[in-house]
Amino acid sequence: MREQRKRLVGTVISDKMDKTVVVSVATTRRHRQYGKVIRMVKKYKAHDENNEARIGDRVQIIESKPISRHKRWSVVSVVNKAR
């Protein structure tokens, strides 16, 4: 049951908080009526225990139990480092 948690890949857009990063995840959906492809962006606050993620890094996040008021995700790994 534990492996059914959602995993997302996104870009870190803020690392100003202690042990927290804001990750922007972009998805594409088709409009229900018109069929146009729409790019949707959602921001998630994720727990980063070792403060290893920096702005511009691609990170993988996983669903977790509530850590604080807005944090329900944790950083699993840094996929690509920013230049």
Protein backbone atom coordinates (compact mmCIF):
# COMPACT_ATOMS: atom_id res chain seq x y z
CA MET A 1 0.00 0.00 0.00
CA ARG A 2 2.91 2.33 0.70
CA GLU A 3 4.07 2.32 -2.94
CA GLN A 4 0.76 3.75 -4.15
CA ARG A 5 1.82 7.25 -3.12
CA LYS A 6 1.91 9.79 -5.94
CA ARG A 7 5.26 10.86 -7.37
CA LEU A 8 5.76 14.07 -9.35
CA VAL A 9 8.73 15.73 -11.05
CA GLY A 10 9.02 19.51 -11.04
CA THR A 11 11.31 22.52 -10.82
CA VAL A 12 12.30 24.26 -7.59
CA ILE A 13 11.18 27.89 -7.73
CA SER A 14 11.95 28.90 -4.13
CA ASP A 15 14.31 27.62 -1.44
CA LYS A 16 14.16 30.54 1.00
CA MET A 17 12.52 28.56 3.81
CA ASP A 18 14.37 26.21 6.14
CA LYS A 19 13.93 22.55 5.11
CA THR A 20 11.19 23.53 2.63
CA VAL A 21 11.21 24.10 -1.12
CA VAL A 22 8.43 25.24 -3.44
CA VAL A 23 8.19 22.96 -6.47
CA SER A 24 6.40 23.95 -9.67
CA VAL A 25 4.87 20.99 -11.52
CA ALA A 26 3.61 21.49 -15.09
CA THR A 27 1.04 19.16 -16.65
CA THR A 28 -0.86 19.25 -19.93
CA ARG A 29 -4.58 18.65 -20.23
CA ARG A 30 -7.06 18.81 -23.06
CA HIS A 31 -9.91 21.29 -22.76
CA ARG A 32 -13.17 19.36 -22.29
CA GLN A 33 -15.21 21.24 -24.89
CA TYR A 34 -12.70 22.72 -27.35
CA GLY A 35 -9.98 20.08 -27.33
CA LYS A 36 -7.15 22.61 -27.07
CA VAL A 37 -4.10 21.44 -25.13
CA ILE A 38 -3.70 23.56 -22.00
CA ARG A 39 -0.53 23.73 -19.91
CA MET A 40 -1.38 23.82 -16.22
CA VAL A 41 1.12 24.69 -13.49
CA LYS A 42 0.65 23.88 -9.82
CA LYS A 43 2.94 24.72 -6.90
CA TYR A 44 3.66 22.33 -4.05
CA LYS A 45 5.56 22.94 -0.80
CA ALA A 46 7.84 19.97 -0.19
CA HIS A 47 9.95 18.94 2.79
CA ASP A 48 13.70 18.94 2.05
CA GLU A 49 15.39 17.53 5.15
CA ASN A 50 19.02 18.27 4.17
CA ASN A 51 18.40 21.55 2.29
CA GLU A 52 20.06 20.05 -0.81
CA ALA A 53 17.69 21.40 -3.50
CA ARG A 54 18.37 24.83 -5.02
CA ILE A 55 16.42 27.14 -7.33
CA GLY A 56 16.25 25.72 -10.86
CA ASP A 57 16.88 22.08 -9.86
CA ARG A 58 14.57 19.36 -11.19
CA VAL A 59 13.39 17.29 -8.23
CA GLN A 60 11.19 14.28 -7.67
CA ILE A 61 8.64 14.65 -4.86
CA ILE A 62 6.45 12.04 -3.18
CA GLU A 63 3.21 12.28 -1.26
CA SER A 64 3.61 12.05 2.52
CA LYS A 65 1.69 12.60 5.73
CA PRO A 66 1.01 16.24 6.67
CA ILE A 67 4.24 17.80 7.94
CA SER A 68 2.87 21.31 8.52
CA ARG A 69 -0.10 23.41 7.48
CA HIS A 70 0.80 23.44 3.77
CA LYS A 71 3.42 20.68 3.42
CA ARG A 72 2.17 17.28 2.27
CA TRP A 73 5.06 16.34 -0.03
CA SER A 74 8.70 15.33 0.48
CA VAL A 75 11.70 15.62 -1.83
CA VAL A 76 12.91 12.14 -2.85
CA SER A 77 15.85 13.10 -5.04
CA VAL A 78 17.38 15.82 -7.18
CA VAL A 79 17.02 14.66 -10.80
CA ASN A 80 19.03 17.48 -12.48
CA LYS A 81 21.13 20.21 -10.87
CA ALA A 82 20.72 23.80 -12.12
CA ARG A 83 23.63 25.39 -13.93
